[in-house]
Amino acid sequence: MAYADNQGFTLGEDKRTLATRFHAAGLATGAAVSAYVIRAGTGLARGFDTYDDALSIDPSIEALAAQRRDGAESVDSLLHWIEARSAGERFFAFLHLYEPHAPYLPPPVLTSAWAIPTTARWPMRTNW
């Protein structure tokens, strides 16, 4: 097991994204993401008409890779974009939520119910 270090990731300009392909096929493309490491500046916004990566940088969090916004904000943003589509308009929507990612600390209601130490962390598996 190891932790992934994706803070410096940038998608090569020669790479086509799924959004690029959908956009070329005439679909509207929209995304809302919750993590700094997949902001538009990484190249992942390529092909999206709308790519909402707005998040406030929390100065108390030292690592940029740990900067994120609450998933509910991303969900609301993407739902607003979807609801603005015309009836029958074909679209591709991408939603990224940070909450499912490691390290994960379960909420207190779960840690107390299952006697999980509050310091427990689960590393992200990288050797698929």
C-alpha atoms as a PDB file:
ATOM      1  CA  MET A   1       0.000   0.000   0.000  1.00  0.00           C
ATOM      2  CA  ALA A   2       1.102   3.539  -0.718  1.00  0.00           C
ATOM      3  CA  TYR A   3      -0.339   7.003  -0.823  1.00  0.00           C
ATOM      4  CA  ALA A   4      -0.660   8.558  -4.251  1.00  0.00           C
ATOM      5  CA  ASP A   5       1.051  11.894  -4.800  1.00  0.00           C
ATOM      6  CA  ASN A   6      -0.934  13.671  -7.483  1.00  0.00           C
ATOM      7  CA  GLN A   7      -0.368  17.288  -6.465  1.00  0.00           C
ATOM      8  CA  GLY A   8       1.840  18.036  -9.480  1.00  0.00           C
ATOM      9  CA  PHE A   9      -0.224  16.127 -12.057  1.00  0.00           C
ATOM     10  CA  THR A  10      -0.889  17.769 -15.419  1.00  0.00           C
ATOM     11  CA  LEU A  11      -2.638  16.062 -18.332  1.00  0.00           C
ATOM     12  CA  GLY A  12      -0.548  16.249 -21.497  1.00  0.00           C
ATOM     13  CA  GLU A  13      -1.911  18.577 -24.176  1.00  0.00           C
ATOM     14  CA  ASP A  14      -1.822  15.709 -26.670  1.00  0.00           C
ATOM     15  CA  LYS A  15      -4.325  13.688 -24.613  1.00  0.00           C
ATOM     16  CA  ARG A  16      -8.015  13.695 -25.536  1.00  0.00           C
ATOM     17  CA  THR A  17     -10.441  13.498 -22.673  1.00  0.00           C
ATOM     18  CA  LEU A  18     -13.820  11.811 -22.579  1.00  0.00           C
ATOM     19  CA  ALA A  19     -15.353  15.277 -22.344  1.00  0.00           C
ATOM     20  CA  THR A  20     -13.502  16.292 -25.516  1.00  0.00           C
ATOM     21  CA  ARG A  21     -15.030  13.350 -27.345  1.00  0.00           C
ATOM     22  CA  PHE A  22     -18.545  14.044 -26.064  1.00  0.00           C
ATOM     23  CA  HIS A  23     -18.197  17.736 -26.910  1.00  0.00           C
ATOM     24  CA  ALA A  24     -17.054  16.868 -30.443  1.00  0.00           C
ATOM     25  CA  ALA A  25     -20.140  14.656 -30.778  1.00  0.00           C
ATOM     26  CA  GLY A  26     -22.360  17.645 -30.013  1.00  0.00           C
ATOM     27  CA  LEU A  27     -23.147  17.062 -26.362  1.00  0.00           C
ATOM     28  CA  ALA A  28     -23.068  19.840 -23.798  1.00  0.00           C
ATOM     29  CA  THR A  29     -20.396  19.046 -21.220  1.00  0.00           C
ATOM     30  CA  GLY A  30     -20.331  20.136 -17.601  1.00  0.00           C
ATOM     31  CA  ALA A  31     -18.387  19.214 -14.501  1.00  0.00           C
ATOM     32  CA  ALA A  32     -18.130  20.104 -10.849  1.00  0.00           C
ATOM     33  CA  VAL A  33     -15.146  18.913  -8.844  1.00  0.00           C
ATOM     34  CA  SER A  34     -14.254  19.015  -5.165  1.00  0.00           C
ATOM     35  CA  ALA A  35     -10.465  18.803  -5.017  1.00  0.00           C
ATOM     36  CA  TYR A  36      -7.595  21.154  -5.750  1.00  0.00           C
ATOM     37  CA  VAL A  37      -5.594  18.417  -7.463  1.00  0.00           C
ATOM     38  CA  ILE A  38      -8.129  18.185 -10.308  1.00  0.00           C
ATOM     39  CA  ARG A  39      -8.641  21.909 -10.832  1.00  0.00           C
ATOM     40  CA  ALA A  40      -8.939  23.180 -14.409  1.00  0.00           C
ATOM     41  CA  GLY A  41      -5.243  24.078 -14.479  1.00  0.00           C
ATOM     42  CA  THR A  42      -4.324  20.380 -14.573  1.00  0.00           C
ATOM     43  CA  GLY A  43      -5.798  19.991 -18.050  1.00  0.00           C
ATOM     44  CA  LEU A  44      -8.699  17.841 -16.872  1.00  0.00           C
ATOM     45  CA  ALA A  45     -11.176  20.583 -17.828  1.00  0.00           C
ATOM     46  CA  ARG A  46     -10.335  20.061 -21.490  1.00  0.00           C
ATOM     47  CA  GLY A  47     -13.528  19.499 -23.472  1.00  0.00           C
ATOM     48  CA  PHE A  48     -15.912  20.807 -20.828  1.00  0.00           C
ATOM     49  CA  ASP A  49     -18.163  23.761 -21.605  1.00  0.00           C
ATOM     50  CA  THR A  50     -18.424  24.359 -17.861  1.00  0.00           C
ATOM     51  CA  TYR A  51     -15.908  23.138 -15.283  1.00  0.00           C
ATOM     52  CA  ASP A  52     -16.644  24.326 -11.751  1.00  0.00           C
ATOM     53  CA  ASP A  53     -13.544  23.899  -9.627  1.00  0.00           C
ATOM     54  CA  ALA A  54     -14.184  26.875  -7.331  1.00  0.00           C
ATOM     55  CA  LEU A  55     -12.925  26.201  -3.862  1.00  0.00           C
ATOM     56  CA  SER A  56     -11.564  28.422  -1.148  1.00  0.00           C
ATOM     57  CA  ILE A  57      -8.011  27.718  -0.078  1.00  0.00           C
ATOM     58  CA  ASP A  58      -7.960  27.007   3.648  1.00  0.00           C
ATOM     59  CA  PRO A  59      -4.726  28.507   5.030  1.00  0.00           C
ATOM     60  CA  SER A  60      -4.836  26.109   7.996  1.00  0.00           C
ATOM     61  CA  ILE A  61      -4.291  23.177   5.599  1.00  0.00           C
ATOM     62  CA  GLU A  62      -0.644  23.175   4.565  1.00  0.00           C
ATOM     63  CA  ALA A  63      -0.758  20.680   1.686  1.00  0.00           C
ATOM     64  CA  LEU A  64      -2.436  21.971  -1.468  1.00  0.00           C
ATOM     65  CA  ALA A  65      -3.320  18.376  -2.354  1.00  0.00           C
ATOM     66  CA  ALA A  66      -5.570  18.281   0.718  1.00  0.00           C
ATOM     67  CA  GLN A  67      -7.555  21.374  -0.305  1.00  0.00           C
ATOM     68  CA  ARG A  68     -11.151  20.518  -1.103  1.00  0.00           C
ATOM     69  CA  ARG A  69     -14.707  21.723  -0.882  1.00  0.00           C
ATOM     70  CA  ASP A  70     -17.747  20.068   0.606  1.00  0.00           C
ATOM     71  CA  GLY A  71     -19.250  17.636  -1.872  1.00  0.00           C
ATOM     72  CA  ALA A  72     -22.703  19.156  -1.394  1.00  0.00           C
ATOM     73  CA  GLU A  73     -21.413  22.348  -3.041  1.00  0.00           C
ATOM     74  CA  SER A  74     -20.219  20.379  -6.068  1.00  0.00           C
ATOM     75  CA  VAL A  75     -23.517  18.474  -6.267  1.00  0.00           C
ATOM     76  CA  ASP A  76     -25.503  21.722  -6.121  1.00  0.00           C
ATOM     77  CA  SER A  77     -23.313  23.286  -8.799  1.00  0.00           C
ATOM     78  CA  LEU A  78     -23.696  20.383 -11.207  1.00  0.00           C
ATOM     79  CA  LEU A  79     -27.436  20.040 -10.570  1.00  0.00           C
ATOM     80  CA  HIS A  80     -27.847  23.736 -11.358  1.00  0.00           C
ATOM     81  CA  TRP A  81     -25.954  23.215 -14.627  1.00  0.00           C
ATOM     82  CA  ILE A  82     -28.038  20.143 -15.515  1.00  0.00           C
ATOM     83  CA  GLU A  83     -31.321  21.910 -14.738  1.00  0.00           C
ATOM     84  CA  ALA A  84     -30.288  24.764 -17.070  1.00  0.00           C
ATOM     85  CA  ARG A  85     -30.160  22.367 -20.052  1.00  0.00           C
ATOM     86  CA  SER A  86     -32.941  22.578 -22.604  1.00  0.00           C
ATOM     87  CA  ALA A  87     -35.494  19.781 -22.712  1.00  0.00           C
ATOM     88  CA  GLY A  88     -34.085  16.974 -24.825  1.00  0.00           C
ATOM     89  CA  GLU A  89     -30.570  18.454 -24.911  1.00  0.00           C
ATOM     90  CA  ARG A  90     -27.960  15.725 -24.777  1.00  0.00           C
ATOM     91  CA  PHE A  91     -25.237  16.257 -22.223  1.00  0.00           C
ATOM     92  CA  PHE A  92     -22.352  14.682 -20.358  1.00  0.00           C
ATOM     93  CA  ALA A  93     -22.046  15.577 -16.676  1.00  0.00           C
ATOM     94  CA  PHE A  94     -19.063  14.728 -14.490  1.00  0.00           C
ATOM     95  CA  LEU A  95     -19.167  14.981 -10.705  1.00  0.00           C
ATOM     96  CA  HIS A  96     -16.125  14.506  -8.485  1.00  0.00           C
ATOM     97  CA  LEU A  97     -16.597  14.181  -4.731  1.00  0.00           C
ATOM     98  CA  TYR A  98     -13.646  14.227  -2.367  1.00  0.00           C
ATOM     99  CA  GLU A  99     -15.416  12.508   0.530  1.00  0.00           C
ATOM    100  CA  PRO A 100     -14.963   8.895  -0.706  1.00  0.00           C
ATOM    101  CA  HIS A 101     -11.167   9.301  -0.983  1.00  0.00           C
ATOM    102  CA  ALA A 102      -8.554   8.147   1.497  1.00  0.00           C
ATOM    103  CA  PRO A 103      -7.565   8.910   4.102  1.00  0.00           C
ATOM    104  CA  TYR A 104     -10.985   8.338   5.509  1.00  0.00           C
ATOM    105  CA  LEU A 105     -12.022   9.039   9.051  1.00  0.00           C
ATOM    106  CA  PRO A 106     -15.525   7.744   9.720  1.00  0.00           C
ATOM    107  CA  PRO A 107     -17.953  10.086  11.457  1.00  0.00           C
ATOM    108  CA  PRO A 108     -18.189   9.727  15.251  1.00  0.00           C
ATOM    109  CA  VAL A 109     -21.513   7.910  15.065  1.00  0.00           C
ATOM    110  CA  LEU A 110     -19.755   5.061  13.199  1.00  0.00           C
ATOM    111  CA  THR A 111     -16.504   5.043  15.164  1.00  0.00           C
ATOM    112  CA  SER A 112     -18.401   4.724  18.423  1.00  0.00           C
ATOM    113  CA  ALA A 113     -20.833   2.116  17.077  1.00  0.00           C
ATOM    114  CA  TRP A 114     -18.036  -0.145  15.794  1.00  0.00           C
ATOM    115  CA  ALA A 115     -15.259   0.766  18.221  1.00  0.00           C
ATOM    116  CA  ILE A 116     -13.035   2.153  15.468  1.00  0.00           C
ATOM    117  CA  PRO A 117     -10.142   4.196  16.870  1.00  0.00           C
ATOM    118  CA  THR A 118     -10.594   7.884  16.039  1.00  0.00           C
ATOM    119  CA  THR A 119      -7.007   7.903  14.749  1.00  0.00           C
ATOM    120  CA  ALA A 120      -7.668   5.128  12.209  1.00  0.00           C
ATOM    121  CA  ARG A 121      -6.800   5.896   8.591  1.00  0.00           C
ATOM    122  CA  TRP A 122      -7.046   3.698   5.529  1.00  0.00           C
ATOM    123  CA  PRO A 123      -4.365   4.211   2.874  1.00  0.00           C
ATOM    124  CA  MET A 124      -5.363   4.388  -0.764  1.00  0.00           C
ATOM    125  CA  ARG A 125      -4.578   1.247  -2.711  1.00  0.00           C
ATOM    126  CA  THR A 126      -2.336   1.982  -5.682  1.00  0.00           C
ATOM    127  CA  ASN A 127      -1.368  -1.504  -6.854  1.00  0.00           C
ATOM    128  CA  TRP A 128      -4.537  -2.540  -8.665  1.00  0.00           C
END
